[in-house]
N, C-alpha and C. Protein backbone atom coordinates (compact mmCIF):
# COMPACT_ATOMS: atom_id res chain seq x y z
N ASP A 1 -7.92 5.03 -36.22
CA ASP A 1 -8.80 4.63 -35.15
C ASP A 1 -8.80 3.12 -35.02
N LYS A 2 -8.82 2.69 -33.77
CA LYS A 2 -8.84 1.26 -33.52
C LYS A 2 -10.27 0.77 -33.34
N LYS A 3 -10.48 -0.43 -33.80
CA LYS A 3 -11.79 -1.04 -33.64
C LYS A 3 -11.90 -1.57 -32.21
N PRO A 4 -13.02 -1.31 -31.53
CA PRO A 4 -13.18 -1.82 -30.16
C PRO A 4 -13.11 -3.34 -30.13
N VAL A 5 -12.48 -3.85 -29.11
CA VAL A 5 -12.35 -5.29 -28.93
C VAL A 5 -13.08 -5.69 -27.66
N LYS A 6 -13.92 -6.70 -27.76
CA LYS A 6 -14.61 -7.21 -26.58
C LYS A 6 -13.74 -8.25 -25.91
N PHE A 7 -13.76 -8.23 -24.59
CA PHE A 7 -13.02 -9.23 -23.85
C PHE A 7 -13.76 -9.49 -22.55
N THR A 8 -13.50 -10.64 -21.97
CA THR A 8 -14.15 -11.03 -20.73
C THR A 8 -13.18 -10.84 -19.58
N ILE A 9 -13.65 -10.18 -18.55
CA ILE A 9 -12.85 -9.99 -17.34
C ILE A 9 -13.05 -11.22 -16.47
N THR A 10 -11.95 -11.83 -16.08
CA THR A 10 -12.02 -13.05 -15.26
C THR A 10 -12.00 -12.70 -13.78
N ASP A 11 -12.38 -13.68 -12.97
CA ASP A 11 -12.31 -13.49 -11.52
C ASP A 11 -10.87 -13.27 -11.08
N THR A 12 -9.93 -13.92 -11.74
CA THR A 12 -8.51 -13.74 -11.42
C THR A 12 -8.09 -12.29 -11.65
N GLN A 13 -8.54 -11.72 -12.75
CA GLN A 13 -8.20 -10.32 -13.04
C GLN A 13 -8.85 -9.38 -12.03
N ARG A 14 -10.06 -9.68 -11.63
CA ARG A 14 -10.72 -8.87 -10.60
C ARG A 14 -9.95 -8.95 -9.28
N ASP A 15 -9.53 -10.16 -8.92
CA ASP A 15 -8.75 -10.33 -7.70
C ASP A 15 -7.43 -9.56 -7.77
N MET A 16 -6.78 -9.62 -8.93
CA MET A 16 -5.52 -8.89 -9.12
C MET A 16 -5.76 -7.38 -8.94
N ALA A 17 -6.85 -6.88 -9.50
CA ALA A 17 -7.17 -5.45 -9.40
C ALA A 17 -7.40 -5.06 -7.94
N ARG A 18 -8.15 -5.88 -7.21
CA ARG A 18 -8.40 -5.60 -5.79
C ARG A 18 -7.10 -5.60 -5.00
N GLN A 19 -6.25 -6.60 -5.27
CA GLN A 19 -4.96 -6.67 -4.57
C GLN A 19 -4.13 -5.42 -4.83
N TYR A 20 -4.11 -4.98 -6.07
CA TYR A 20 -3.33 -3.80 -6.43
C TYR A 20 -3.88 -2.55 -5.74
N LEU A 21 -5.20 -2.40 -5.76
CA LEU A 21 -5.80 -1.23 -5.13
C LEU A 21 -5.56 -1.21 -3.62
N ARG A 22 -5.63 -2.37 -2.99
CA ARG A 22 -5.32 -2.44 -1.56
C ARG A 22 -3.85 -2.10 -1.31
N ALA A 23 -2.98 -2.63 -2.15
CA ALA A 23 -1.54 -2.40 -1.97
C ALA A 23 -1.17 -0.94 -2.15
N THR A 24 -1.88 -0.24 -3.03
CA THR A 24 -1.57 1.16 -3.28
C THR A 24 -2.38 2.10 -2.40
N GLY A 25 -3.28 1.53 -1.58
CA GLY A 25 -4.06 2.34 -0.66
C GLY A 25 -5.20 3.11 -1.32
N GLU A 26 -5.59 2.70 -2.50
CA GLU A 26 -6.69 3.37 -3.20
C GLU A 26 -8.02 2.75 -2.78
N PHE A 27 -9.07 3.54 -2.91
CA PHE A 27 -10.40 3.02 -2.64
C PHE A 27 -10.79 2.03 -3.73
N ILE A 28 -11.51 1.01 -3.33
CA ILE A 28 -12.01 0.04 -4.30
C ILE A 28 -13.43 0.45 -4.66
N CYS A 29 -13.56 1.05 -5.83
CA CYS A 29 -14.86 1.49 -6.31
C CYS A 29 -14.91 1.21 -7.81
N ASN A 30 -16.02 1.51 -8.42
CA ASN A 30 -16.20 1.22 -9.84
C ASN A 30 -15.13 1.91 -10.69
N LYS A 31 -14.87 3.17 -10.41
CA LYS A 31 -13.92 3.94 -11.21
C LYS A 31 -12.50 3.36 -11.11
N THR A 32 -12.03 3.10 -9.89
CA THR A 32 -10.66 2.59 -9.74
C THR A 32 -10.54 1.15 -10.24
N MET A 33 -11.60 0.36 -10.06
CA MET A 33 -11.57 -1.02 -10.57
C MET A 33 -11.48 -1.02 -12.09
N GLN A 34 -12.28 -0.18 -12.75
CA GLN A 34 -12.25 -0.13 -14.21
C GLN A 34 -10.87 0.29 -14.71
N ALA A 35 -10.32 1.32 -14.10
CA ALA A 35 -9.01 1.82 -14.53
C ALA A 35 -7.93 0.75 -14.32
N THR A 36 -8.00 0.06 -13.20
CA THR A 36 -7.00 -0.98 -12.90
C THR A 36 -7.19 -2.18 -13.81
N LEU A 37 -8.43 -2.57 -14.04
CA LEU A 37 -8.68 -3.70 -14.95
C LEU A 37 -8.18 -3.39 -16.36
N MET A 38 -8.34 -2.17 -16.81
CA MET A 38 -7.83 -1.80 -18.14
C MET A 38 -6.31 -1.93 -18.19
N LYS A 39 -5.64 -1.56 -17.11
CA LYS A 39 -4.18 -1.71 -17.07
C LYS A 39 -3.79 -3.19 -17.13
N ILE A 40 -4.55 -4.02 -16.44
CA ILE A 40 -4.27 -5.46 -16.45
C ILE A 40 -4.50 -6.03 -17.85
N VAL A 41 -5.62 -5.67 -18.47
CA VAL A 41 -5.95 -6.18 -19.80
C VAL A 41 -4.91 -5.72 -20.82
N LYS A 42 -4.46 -4.48 -20.72
CA LYS A 42 -3.46 -3.94 -21.65
C LYS A 42 -2.06 -4.50 -21.39
N GLY A 43 -1.88 -5.17 -20.25
CA GLY A 43 -0.57 -5.73 -19.93
C GLY A 43 0.34 -4.75 -19.20
N GLU A 44 -0.21 -3.60 -18.80
CA GLU A 44 0.58 -2.60 -18.09
C GLU A 44 0.79 -2.98 -16.63
N LEU A 45 -0.06 -3.86 -16.13
CA LEU A 45 -0.03 -4.27 -14.74
C LEU A 45 -0.12 -5.79 -14.69
N ASP A 46 0.88 -6.40 -14.05
CA ASP A 46 0.87 -7.86 -13.92
C ASP A 46 1.11 -8.24 -12.47
N ILE A 47 1.12 -9.53 -12.20
CA ILE A 47 1.24 -10.02 -10.82
C ILE A 47 2.56 -9.59 -10.19
N GLU A 48 3.61 -9.48 -10.96
CA GLU A 48 4.91 -9.04 -10.41
C GLU A 48 4.83 -7.60 -9.92
N LYS A 49 4.18 -6.74 -10.67
CA LYS A 49 4.04 -5.34 -10.26
C LYS A 49 3.12 -5.23 -9.04
N ILE A 50 2.12 -6.09 -8.98
CA ILE A 50 1.22 -6.08 -7.82
C ILE A 50 1.98 -6.53 -6.59
N GLU A 51 2.79 -7.57 -6.71
CA GLU A 51 3.59 -8.04 -5.58
C GLU A 51 4.57 -6.96 -5.12
N ARG A 52 5.15 -6.26 -6.08
CA ARG A 52 6.07 -5.15 -5.73
C ARG A 52 5.32 -4.06 -4.96
N ALA A 53 4.12 -3.73 -5.41
CA ALA A 53 3.32 -2.72 -4.72
C ALA A 53 3.00 -3.17 -3.29
N LYS A 54 2.71 -4.45 -3.11
CA LYS A 54 2.45 -4.98 -1.77
C LYS A 54 3.68 -4.84 -0.88
N LYS A 55 4.84 -5.18 -1.42
CA LYS A 55 6.08 -5.09 -0.64
C LYS A 55 6.42 -3.64 -0.31
N GLU A 56 6.16 -2.73 -1.25
CA GLU A 56 6.40 -1.31 -0.99
C GLU A 56 5.48 -0.80 0.11
N ARG A 57 4.23 -1.24 0.09
CA ARG A 57 3.30 -0.83 1.14
C ARG A 57 3.75 -1.37 2.50
N GLU A 58 4.18 -2.63 2.52
CA GLU A 58 4.66 -3.21 3.77
C GLU A 58 5.89 -2.45 4.28
N LEU A 59 6.78 -2.10 3.37
CA LEU A 59 7.97 -1.33 3.75
C LEU A 59 7.58 0.02 4.34
N ARG A 60 6.64 0.72 3.70
CA ARG A 60 6.18 2.01 4.23
C ARG A 60 5.58 1.86 5.63
N MET A 61 4.80 0.79 5.83
CA MET A 61 4.20 0.55 7.14
C MET A 61 5.27 0.27 8.19
N LEU A 62 6.28 -0.51 7.83
CA LEU A 62 7.36 -0.81 8.77
C LEU A 62 8.18 0.44 9.08
N GLN A 63 8.41 1.28 8.07
CA GLN A 63 9.13 2.52 8.30
C GLN A 63 8.35 3.44 9.24
N GLN A 64 7.05 3.50 9.06
CA GLN A 64 6.22 4.32 9.94
C GLN A 64 6.24 3.77 11.36
N GLU A 65 6.17 2.45 11.48
CA GLU A 65 6.22 1.81 12.79
C GLU A 65 7.56 2.10 13.47
N ASP A 66 8.64 2.04 12.69
CA ASP A 66 9.97 2.34 13.22
C ASP A 66 10.04 3.78 13.71
N ALA A 67 9.49 4.70 12.94
CA ALA A 67 9.49 6.11 13.33
C ALA A 67 8.67 6.31 14.60
N ASP A 68 7.52 5.65 14.69
CA ASP A 68 6.68 5.75 15.88
C ASP A 68 7.41 5.21 17.11
N LEU A 69 8.08 4.08 16.95
CA LEU A 69 8.82 3.49 18.08
C LEU A 69 9.99 4.36 18.48
N SER A 70 10.67 4.95 17.51
CA SER A 70 11.79 5.84 17.82
C SER A 70 11.30 7.05 18.61
N GLU A 71 10.16 7.58 18.22
CA GLU A 71 9.59 8.72 18.94
C GLU A 71 9.21 8.33 20.36
N LEU A 72 8.64 7.15 20.52
CA LEU A 72 8.26 6.66 21.84
C LEU A 72 9.49 6.47 22.72
N ILE A 73 10.54 5.91 22.16
CA ILE A 73 11.79 5.73 22.91
C ILE A 73 12.35 7.08 23.34
N GLU A 74 12.34 8.03 22.43
CA GLU A 74 12.85 9.36 22.74
C GLU A 74 12.04 10.01 23.87
N GLN A 75 10.72 9.88 23.81
CA GLN A 75 9.87 10.43 24.86
C GLN A 75 10.12 9.74 26.20
N SER A 76 10.31 8.42 26.16
CA SER A 76 10.58 7.67 27.39
C SER A 76 11.90 8.09 28.00
N GLU A 77 12.92 8.25 27.16
CA GLU A 77 14.22 8.68 27.66
C GLU A 77 14.13 10.08 28.27
N GLN A 78 13.38 10.97 27.64
CA GLN A 78 13.20 12.33 28.16
C GLN A 78 12.46 12.29 29.50
N TYR A 79 11.45 11.44 29.60
CA TYR A 79 10.69 11.31 30.84
C TYR A 79 11.59 10.81 31.96
N ILE A 80 12.38 9.79 31.67
CA ILE A 80 13.29 9.23 32.69
C ILE A 80 14.30 10.28 33.11
N GLU A 81 14.84 10.99 32.14
CA GLU A 81 15.83 12.03 32.43
C GLU A 81 15.22 13.12 33.31
N ASN A 82 14.01 13.55 33.01
CA ASN A 82 13.34 14.58 33.81
C ASN A 82 13.04 14.10 35.22
N ASN A 83 12.64 12.86 35.36
CA ASN A 83 12.34 12.31 36.68
C ASN A 83 13.58 12.11 37.51
N MET A 84 14.70 11.82 36.89
CA MET A 84 15.95 11.65 37.63
C MET A 84 16.41 13.00 38.18
N GLU A 85 16.17 14.07 37.41
CA GLU A 85 16.54 15.41 37.86
C GLU A 85 15.68 15.85 39.05
N VAL A 86 14.43 15.46 39.04
CA VAL A 86 13.51 15.85 40.11
C VAL A 86 13.89 15.14 41.41
N THR A 87 14.32 13.89 41.34
CA THR A 87 14.62 13.12 42.55
C THR A 87 15.97 13.48 43.14
N LYS A 88 16.79 14.22 42.45
CA LYS A 88 18.13 14.56 42.98
C LYS A 88 18.04 15.63 44.02
């Protein structure tokens, strides 16, 4: 059994936890903050991993935007095609 160790959570660590939770799309609440802060304190989560999570979230958002635009283009092309048939 390990002896409990006391440590102080800094504002920087709190900010890192919030950034990570936002990047992963998780709710920021007591439970998720505690779990994330423990990962930071244990060294399982660092600024590089948080930055990677942010970039992955941005990539997912851009991919979704691309898919939405592709669908819009397809619908527009179908609309134009249908209207050209009607006017003939």
